[in-house]
């Protein structure tokens, strides 16, 4: 009941903004407006409607495949849900859209490792990919979070794999 009330409350807050935009711009609401889906996704996230929020962020990136903020929110939500492979898909896109952002490379590497840990399965190629991503992080911003420590850990893991 509380979520439903919050949804309607948020909706009431959005209606004047949306209709105000229509009056100011004299344009009808376009269901193919990526920004509208992004704003709706954020409003739904704020009332803990994660599934619906994801739908709107996905619609935003379907309309605009280069919508960085929507990809970032999808990566975050999928990661939060433990869906590391889905999160990684959006993180790969983010590293392509903004290759100088160390956070995207770091998060992608962490997602690769978390997927291995979560599924108890993994390929050496995934470890190699995570190593590459941590190396990119270190080259962009040395000392970023614990990239160097994670890099050393994965290199040791890789060495054990090849020596074993």
Protein backbone atom coordinates (compact mmCIF):
# COMPACT_ATOMS: atom_id res chain seq x y z
CA UNK A 1 0.00 0.00 0.00
CA UNK A 2 2.83 2.37 0.88
CA UNK A 3 4.54 1.72 -2.48
CA UNK A 4 1.32 2.39 -4.35
CA UNK A 5 0.85 5.64 -2.45
CA UNK A 6 4.45 6.65 -3.21
CA UNK A 7 3.95 5.81 -6.88
CA UNK A 8 0.91 8.05 -7.12
CA UNK A 9 2.69 10.75 -5.14
CA UNK A 10 5.66 10.66 -7.55
CA UNK A 11 3.23 10.60 -10.46
CA UNK A 12 1.52 13.69 -9.09
CA UNK A 13 4.88 15.39 -8.91
CA UNK A 14 5.75 14.39 -12.48
CA UNK A 15 2.44 15.39 -14.06
CA UNK A 16 2.96 19.16 -13.62
CA UNK A 17 6.54 18.84 -14.86
CA UNK A 18 5.55 16.84 -17.93
CA UNK A 19 2.49 18.95 -18.72
CA UNK A 20 4.45 22.09 -17.96
CA UNK A 21 7.00 20.96 -20.55
CA UNK A 22 4.18 20.44 -23.03
CA UNK A 23 2.77 23.90 -22.39
CA UNK A 24 6.18 25.55 -22.54
CA UNK A 25 7.36 23.66 -25.62
CA UNK A 26 3.91 23.21 -27.18
CA UNK A 27 4.93 19.65 -28.08
CA UNK A 28 3.04 16.47 -27.19
CA UNK A 29 4.68 13.83 -25.04
CA UNK A 30 6.66 11.51 -27.27
CA UNK A 31 6.73 7.87 -26.09
CA UNK A 32 9.96 7.56 -28.07
CA UNK A 33 11.67 10.19 -25.93
CA UNK A 34 14.61 8.50 -24.22
CA UNK A 35 14.80 11.25 -21.59
CA UNK A 36 11.18 10.71 -20.59
CA UNK A 37 11.87 7.00 -20.01
CA UNK A 38 15.04 7.85 -18.11
CA UNK A 39 13.22 10.30 -15.82
CA UNK A 40 10.41 7.78 -15.29
CA UNK A 41 12.97 5.06 -14.51
CA UNK A 42 14.58 7.27 -11.89
CA UNK A 43 11.21 8.10 -10.31
CA UNK A 44 10.31 4.41 -10.13
CA UNK A 45 13.73 3.56 -8.67
CA UNK A 46 13.16 6.14 -5.93
CA UNK A 47 10.04 4.27 -4.78
CA UNK A 48 11.78 0.86 -4.94
CA UNK A 49 9.99 -0.27 -8.12
CA UNK A 50 13.15 -1.78 -9.57
CA UNK A 51 11.55 -4.05 -12.17
CA UNK A 52 9.54 -1.20 -13.66
CA UNK A 53 12.54 1.09 -13.39
CA UNK A 54 14.63 -1.37 -15.41
CA UNK A 55 11.95 -1.48 -18.11
CA UNK A 56 12.13 2.27 -18.57
CA UNK A 57 15.93 2.41 -18.57
CA UNK A 58 15.96 -0.39 -21.15
CA UNK A 59 13.49 1.57 -23.26
CA UNK A 60 15.73 4.64 -22.99
CA UNK A 61 18.76 2.73 -24.32
CA UNK A 62 16.65 1.07 -27.01
CA UNK A 63 15.70 4.54 -28.23
CA UNK A 64 19.18 6.00 -27.70
CA UNK A 65 21.87 3.27 -27.59
CA UNK A 66 24.47 5.83 -26.44
CA UNK A 67 22.49 7.03 -23.40
CA UNK A 68 25.32 6.78 -20.89
CA UNK A 69 23.31 7.52 -17.73
CA UNK A 70 20.64 4.93 -18.59
CA UNK A 71 23.31 2.27 -19.23
CA UNK A 72 24.94 3.18 -15.93
CA UNK A 73 21.65 2.83 -14.04
CA UNK A 74 20.96 -0.53 -15.71
CA UNK A 75 24.43 -1.78 -14.78
CA UNK A 76 23.85 -0.66 -11.20
CA UNK A 77 20.41 -2.29 -10.93
CA UNK A 78 21.52 -5.56 -12.52
CA UNK A 79 24.55 -5.65 -10.25
CA UNK A 80 22.33 -4.99 -7.23
CA UNK A 81 20.14 -7.93 -8.32
CA UNK A 82 23.20 -10.19 -8.68
CA UNK A 83 22.74 -10.38 -12.46
CA UNK A 84 26.41 -9.80 -13.17
CA UNK A 85 26.40 -10.85 -16.81
CA UNK A 86 23.62 -8.40 -17.61
CA UNK A 87 25.39 -5.67 -15.66
CA UNK A 88 28.60 -6.46 -17.56
CA UNK A 89 26.85 -5.96 -20.91
CA UNK A 90 26.05 -2.38 -19.95
CA UNK A 91 29.46 -1.80 -18.43
CA UNK A 92 31.12 -2.88 -21.68
CA UNK A 93 28.98 -0.32 -23.49
CA UNK A 94 29.95 2.31 -20.91
CA UNK A 95 33.66 1.60 -21.42
CA UNK A 96 33.08 2.13 -25.14
CA UNK A 97 31.10 5.35 -24.63
CA UNK A 98 33.50 6.82 -22.08
CA UNK A 99 36.81 4.92 -22.23
CA UNK A 100 38.58 7.35 -19.89
CA UNK A 101 36.25 6.75 -16.97
CA UNK A 102 38.15 4.46 -14.57
CA UNK A 103 34.97 3.62 -12.67
CA UNK A 104 33.41 1.88 -15.68
CA UNK A 105 36.49 -0.30 -16.26
CA UNK A 106 36.76 -1.05 -12.54
CA UNK A 107 33.09 -1.99 -12.24
CA UNK A 108 33.32 -4.17 -15.35
CA UNK A 109 36.32 -6.05 -13.92
CA UNK A 110 34.56 -6.51 -10.58
CA UNK A 111 31.44 -7.81 -12.36
CA UNK A 112 33.51 -10.39 -14.24
CA UNK A 113 35.00 -11.63 -10.96
CA UNK A 114 31.65 -11.54 -9.13
CA UNK A 115 30.05 -13.63 -11.86
CA UNK A 116 32.79 -16.26 -11.46
CA UNK A 117 32.36 -16.21 -7.69
CA UNK A 118 28.56 -16.33 -7.91
CA UNK A 119 28.32 -19.14 -10.46
CA UNK A 120 31.35 -21.04 -9.13
CA UNK A 121 32.35 -21.31 -12.77
CA UNK A 122 34.66 -19.29 -14.85
CA UNK A 123 37.02 -19.25 -17.73
CA UNK A 124 40.60 -18.13 -17.74
CA UNK A 125 39.57 -15.68 -20.48
CA UNK A 126 37.30 -13.91 -17.98
CA UNK A 127 40.20 -13.59 -15.54
CA UNK A 128 42.37 -12.26 -18.37
CA UNK A 129 39.65 -9.75 -19.28
CA UNK A 130 39.37 -8.60 -15.64
CA UNK A 131 43.16 -8.22 -15.47
CA UNK A 132 43.10 -6.13 -18.66
CA UNK A 133 40.37 -3.90 -17.22
CA UNK A 134 42.22 -3.37 -13.93
CA UNK A 135 45.35 -2.49 -15.94
CA UNK A 136 43.32 0.11 -17.84
CA UNK A 137 42.09 1.54 -14.54
CA UNK A 138 45.67 1.82 -13.26
CA UNK A 139 46.79 3.51 -16.48
CA UNK A 140 43.94 6.04 -16.32
CA UNK A 141 44.11 6.77 -12.61
CA UNK A 142 46.85 5.07 -10.60
CA UNK A 143 45.66 4.09 -7.14
CA UNK A 144 41.97 4.12 -8.08
CA UNK A 145 40.12 2.30 -5.29
CA UNK A 146 41.81 -1.08 -4.88
CA UNK A 147 42.52 -1.73 -8.56
CA UNK A 148 46.21 -2.48 -8.00
CA UNK A 149 45.51 -4.97 -5.20
CA UNK A 150 42.80 -6.66 -7.26
CA UNK A 151 45.14 -6.77 -10.23
CA UNK A 152 47.86 -8.50 -8.21
CA UNK A 153 45.37 -10.98 -6.77
CA UNK A 154 44.10 -11.91 -10.25
CA UNK A 155 47.61 -12.18 -11.65
CA UNK A 156 48.48 -14.62 -8.86
CA UNK A 157 45.29 -16.57 -9.61
CA UNK A 158 46.22 -16.68 -13.28
CA UNK A 159 49.76 -17.86 -12.46
CA UNK A 160 48.34 -20.66 -10.30
CA UNK A 161 46.04 -21.68 -13.14
CA UNK A 162 48.90 -21.91 -15.64
CA UNK A 163 51.31 -23.60 -13.25
CA UNK A 164 48.72 -26.12 -12.00
